[in-house]
N, C-alpha and C. Protein backbone atom coordinates (compact mmCIF):
# COMPACT_ATOMS: atom_id res chain seq x y z
N UNK A 1 89.76 66.42 120.98
CA UNK A 1 90.72 67.04 121.86
C UNK A 1 90.44 66.55 123.28
N UNK A 2 91.51 66.41 124.04
CA UNK A 2 91.38 66.03 125.44
C UNK A 2 91.55 67.25 126.32
N UNK A 3 90.68 67.35 127.31
CA UNK A 3 90.75 68.47 128.23
C UNK A 3 91.93 68.28 129.17
N UNK A 4 92.54 69.38 129.52
CA UNK A 4 93.66 69.35 130.44
C UNK A 4 94.33 70.72 130.49
N UNK A 5 95.56 70.71 130.94
CA UNK A 5 96.30 71.96 131.12
C UNK A 5 97.70 71.82 130.57
N UNK A 6 98.32 72.96 130.25
CA UNK A 6 99.72 73.00 129.85
C UNK A 6 100.30 74.34 130.27
N UNK A 7 101.63 74.41 130.31
CA UNK A 7 102.33 75.64 130.68
C UNK A 7 102.79 76.32 129.39
N UNK A 8 102.44 77.62 129.25
CA UNK A 8 102.85 78.35 128.04
C UNK A 8 104.27 78.90 128.19
N UNK A 9 104.77 79.61 127.19
CA UNK A 9 106.15 80.09 127.19
C UNK A 9 106.41 81.19 128.21
N UNK A 10 105.37 81.77 128.78
CA UNK A 10 105.53 82.78 129.83
C UNK A 10 105.46 82.15 131.22
N UNK A 11 105.24 80.84 131.29
CA UNK A 11 105.13 80.17 132.58
C UNK A 11 103.73 80.19 133.16
N UNK A 12 102.75 80.62 132.35
CA UNK A 12 101.35 80.62 132.79
C UNK A 12 100.72 79.28 132.45
N UNK A 13 99.72 78.91 133.21
CA UNK A 13 98.98 77.68 132.99
C UNK A 13 97.77 77.99 132.12
N UNK A 14 97.54 77.18 131.09
CA UNK A 14 96.42 77.39 130.18
C UNK A 14 95.63 76.10 129.99
N UNK A 15 94.38 76.25 129.63
CA UNK A 15 93.51 75.12 129.34
C UNK A 15 93.68 74.71 127.89
N UNK A 16 93.69 73.40 127.64
CA UNK A 16 93.77 72.92 126.26
C UNK A 16 92.48 73.22 125.50
N UNK A 17 91.39 73.41 126.22
CA UNK A 17 90.11 73.68 125.57
C UNK A 17 90.00 75.12 125.08
N UNK A 18 90.69 76.04 125.73
CA UNK A 18 90.67 77.44 125.31
C UNK A 18 92.01 78.09 125.61
N UNK A 19 93.01 77.83 124.73
CA UNK A 19 94.34 78.37 124.99
C UNK A 19 94.47 79.87 124.75
N UNK A 20 93.54 80.44 124.00
CA UNK A 20 93.59 81.88 123.72
C UNK A 20 94.48 82.20 122.53
N UNK A 21 94.58 83.48 122.22
CA UNK A 21 95.43 83.94 121.13
C UNK A 21 94.96 83.51 119.75
N UNK A 22 93.75 82.99 119.64
CA UNK A 22 93.28 82.47 118.36
C UNK A 22 93.86 81.11 118.05
N UNK A 23 94.54 80.50 119.01
CA UNK A 23 95.17 79.20 118.83
C UNK A 23 94.23 78.07 119.22
N UNK A 24 94.58 76.86 118.80
CA UNK A 24 93.88 75.66 119.26
C UNK A 24 94.91 74.59 119.56
N UNK A 25 94.51 73.58 120.32
CA UNK A 25 95.44 72.54 120.74
C UNK A 25 95.14 71.21 120.07
N UNK A 26 96.20 70.53 119.71
CA UNK A 26 96.13 69.15 119.25
C UNK A 26 96.81 68.34 120.34
N UNK A 27 96.07 67.44 120.97
CA UNK A 27 96.57 66.70 122.13
C UNK A 27 96.79 65.23 121.78
N UNK A 28 97.97 64.73 122.12
CA UNK A 28 98.27 63.30 122.01
C UNK A 28 98.24 62.77 123.44
N UNK A 29 97.11 62.17 123.81
CA UNK A 29 96.88 61.74 125.18
C UNK A 29 97.90 60.71 125.68
N UNK A 30 98.18 59.62 124.91
CA UNK A 30 99.15 58.64 125.43
C UNK A 30 100.54 59.24 125.65
N UNK A 31 100.93 60.17 124.80
CA UNK A 31 102.25 60.79 124.92
C UNK A 31 102.26 61.98 125.88
N UNK A 32 101.07 62.41 126.34
CA UNK A 32 100.92 63.59 127.20
C UNK A 32 101.53 64.83 126.52
N UNK A 33 101.27 64.96 125.24
CA UNK A 33 101.85 66.03 124.40
C UNK A 33 100.77 66.99 123.95
N UNK A 34 101.08 68.28 124.02
CA UNK A 34 100.18 69.33 123.54
C UNK A 34 100.90 70.12 122.45
N UNK A 35 100.31 70.18 121.27
CA UNK A 35 100.79 71.05 120.20
C UNK A 35 99.81 72.21 120.11
N UNK A 36 100.31 73.42 120.29
CA UNK A 36 99.47 74.61 120.15
C UNK A 36 99.66 75.11 118.73
N UNK A 37 98.54 75.21 118.00
CA UNK A 37 98.59 75.54 116.58
C UNK A 37 97.86 76.84 116.28
N UNK A 38 98.36 77.54 115.26
CA UNK A 38 97.70 78.76 114.80
C UNK A 38 96.48 78.39 113.98
N UNK A 39 95.72 79.40 113.57
CA UNK A 39 94.54 79.16 112.73
C UNK A 39 94.91 78.44 111.44
N UNK A 40 96.14 78.69 110.94
CA UNK A 40 96.60 78.08 109.70
C UNK A 40 97.30 76.74 109.91
N UNK A 41 97.37 76.29 111.17
CA UNK A 41 97.98 75.00 111.46
C UNK A 41 99.46 75.04 111.76
N UNK A 42 100.05 76.23 111.85
CA UNK A 42 101.47 76.33 112.17
C UNK A 42 101.69 76.04 113.65
N UNK A 43 102.73 75.28 113.95
CA UNK A 43 103.06 74.95 115.33
C UNK A 43 103.59 76.20 116.03
N UNK A 44 102.93 76.60 117.11
CA UNK A 44 103.28 77.80 117.86
C UNK A 44 104.04 77.45 119.13
N UNK A 45 103.63 76.34 119.79
CA UNK A 45 104.21 75.98 121.08
C UNK A 45 103.99 74.49 121.33
N UNK A 46 104.93 73.86 122.02
CA UNK A 46 104.80 72.46 122.42
C UNK A 46 104.87 72.40 123.94
N UNK A 47 104.09 71.50 124.53
CA UNK A 47 104.06 71.41 125.99
C UNK A 47 103.64 70.02 126.44
N UNK A 48 103.76 69.79 127.73
CA UNK A 48 103.32 68.55 128.36
C UNK A 48 101.88 68.72 128.82
N UNK A 49 101.08 67.70 128.60
CA UNK A 49 99.68 67.69 129.05
C UNK A 49 99.60 67.24 130.50
N UNK A 50 98.85 67.99 131.28
CA UNK A 50 98.50 67.62 132.65
C UNK A 50 96.98 67.53 132.68
N UNK A 51 96.45 66.33 132.89
CA UNK A 51 95.01 66.11 132.82
C UNK A 51 94.24 66.77 133.95
N UNK A 52 94.81 66.79 135.15
CA UNK A 52 94.09 67.30 136.32
C UNK A 52 94.97 68.22 137.15
N UNK A 53 94.33 68.92 138.06
CA UNK A 53 95.08 69.77 138.99
C UNK A 53 95.96 68.91 139.89
N UNK A 54 95.52 67.69 140.20
CA UNK A 54 96.33 66.77 141.01
C UNK A 54 97.63 66.41 140.27
N UNK A 55 97.55 66.26 138.95
CA UNK A 55 98.74 65.98 138.15
C UNK A 55 99.72 67.15 138.21
N UNK A 56 99.19 68.36 138.19
CA UNK A 56 100.04 69.56 138.29
C UNK A 56 100.74 69.60 139.65
N UNK A 57 99.99 69.35 140.70
CA UNK A 57 100.56 69.34 142.06
C UNK A 57 101.65 68.28 142.17
N UNK A 58 101.38 67.09 141.65
CA UNK A 58 102.34 65.99 141.71
C UNK A 58 103.64 66.36 140.99
N UNK A 59 103.53 67.14 139.90
CA UNK A 59 104.70 67.57 139.14
C UNK A 59 105.38 68.78 139.76
N UNK A 60 104.76 69.36 140.80
CA UNK A 60 105.35 70.53 141.47
C UNK A 60 105.13 71.83 140.73
N UNK A 61 104.16 71.87 139.85
CA UNK A 61 103.88 73.08 139.06
C UNK A 61 102.93 73.98 139.83
N UNK A 62 103.35 75.21 140.02
CA UNK A 62 102.55 76.17 140.78
C UNK A 62 102.18 77.38 139.91
N UNK A 63 102.07 77.17 138.62
CA UNK A 63 101.75 78.25 137.68
C UNK A 63 100.32 78.73 137.88
N UNK A 64 100.11 79.98 137.52
CA UNK A 64 98.78 80.60 137.63
C UNK A 64 97.96 80.26 136.39
N UNK A 65 96.73 79.79 136.59
CA UNK A 65 95.82 79.49 135.49
C UNK A 65 95.28 80.81 134.95
N UNK A 66 95.49 81.04 133.65
CA UNK A 66 95.01 82.27 133.02
C UNK A 66 93.89 81.94 132.05
N UNK A 67 92.96 82.88 131.85
CA UNK A 67 91.87 82.64 130.89
C UNK A 67 92.38 82.76 129.46
N UNK A 68 91.60 82.27 128.52
CA UNK A 68 91.96 82.37 127.11
C UNK A 68 92.12 83.80 126.64
N UNK A 69 91.50 84.75 127.33
CA UNK A 69 91.61 86.16 126.95
C UNK A 69 92.96 86.77 127.35
N UNK A 70 93.71 86.07 128.19
CA UNK A 70 95.03 86.55 128.62
C UNK A 70 96.00 86.48 127.43
N UNK A 71 96.70 87.58 127.11
CA UNK A 71 97.59 87.57 125.94
C UNK A 71 98.78 86.63 126.10
N UNK A 72 99.19 86.05 125.01
CA UNK A 72 100.38 85.20 125.00
C UNK A 72 101.65 86.02 125.02
N UNK A 73 101.61 87.20 124.47
CA UNK A 73 102.78 88.06 124.39
C UNK A 73 102.32 89.50 124.34
N UNK A 74 103.27 90.39 124.43
CA UNK A 74 102.96 91.82 124.42
C UNK A 74 103.58 92.48 123.18
N UNK A 75 103.18 93.70 122.90
CA UNK A 75 103.71 94.45 121.77
C UNK A 75 105.23 94.59 121.91
N UNK A 76 105.71 94.75 123.14
CA UNK A 76 107.16 94.91 123.36
C UNK A 76 107.93 93.64 122.96
N UNK A 77 107.23 92.52 122.87
CA UNK A 77 107.85 91.26 122.45
C UNK A 77 107.84 91.08 120.93
N UNK A 78 107.28 92.05 120.23
CA UNK A 78 107.23 91.98 118.77
C UNK A 78 105.95 91.37 118.22
N UNK A 79 104.94 91.21 119.08
CA UNK A 79 103.68 90.61 118.64
C UNK A 79 102.59 91.65 118.59
């Protein structure tokens, strides 16, 4: 896996090394693609890989970096 960042479906910034929610990331570095997968390998989310904070700034992304313990969704969302 390649270290970096991606934006989740709530607009939060997450680390590819610890996305949280019991998920893990499969990163395609040349394509700058992040597949977020469940424990069983089901595709949960797709995103663009940003290797560094400078890459995020260059792209104009101002999302807040959240820890892996931050929930992906709430009970009100059906999760």
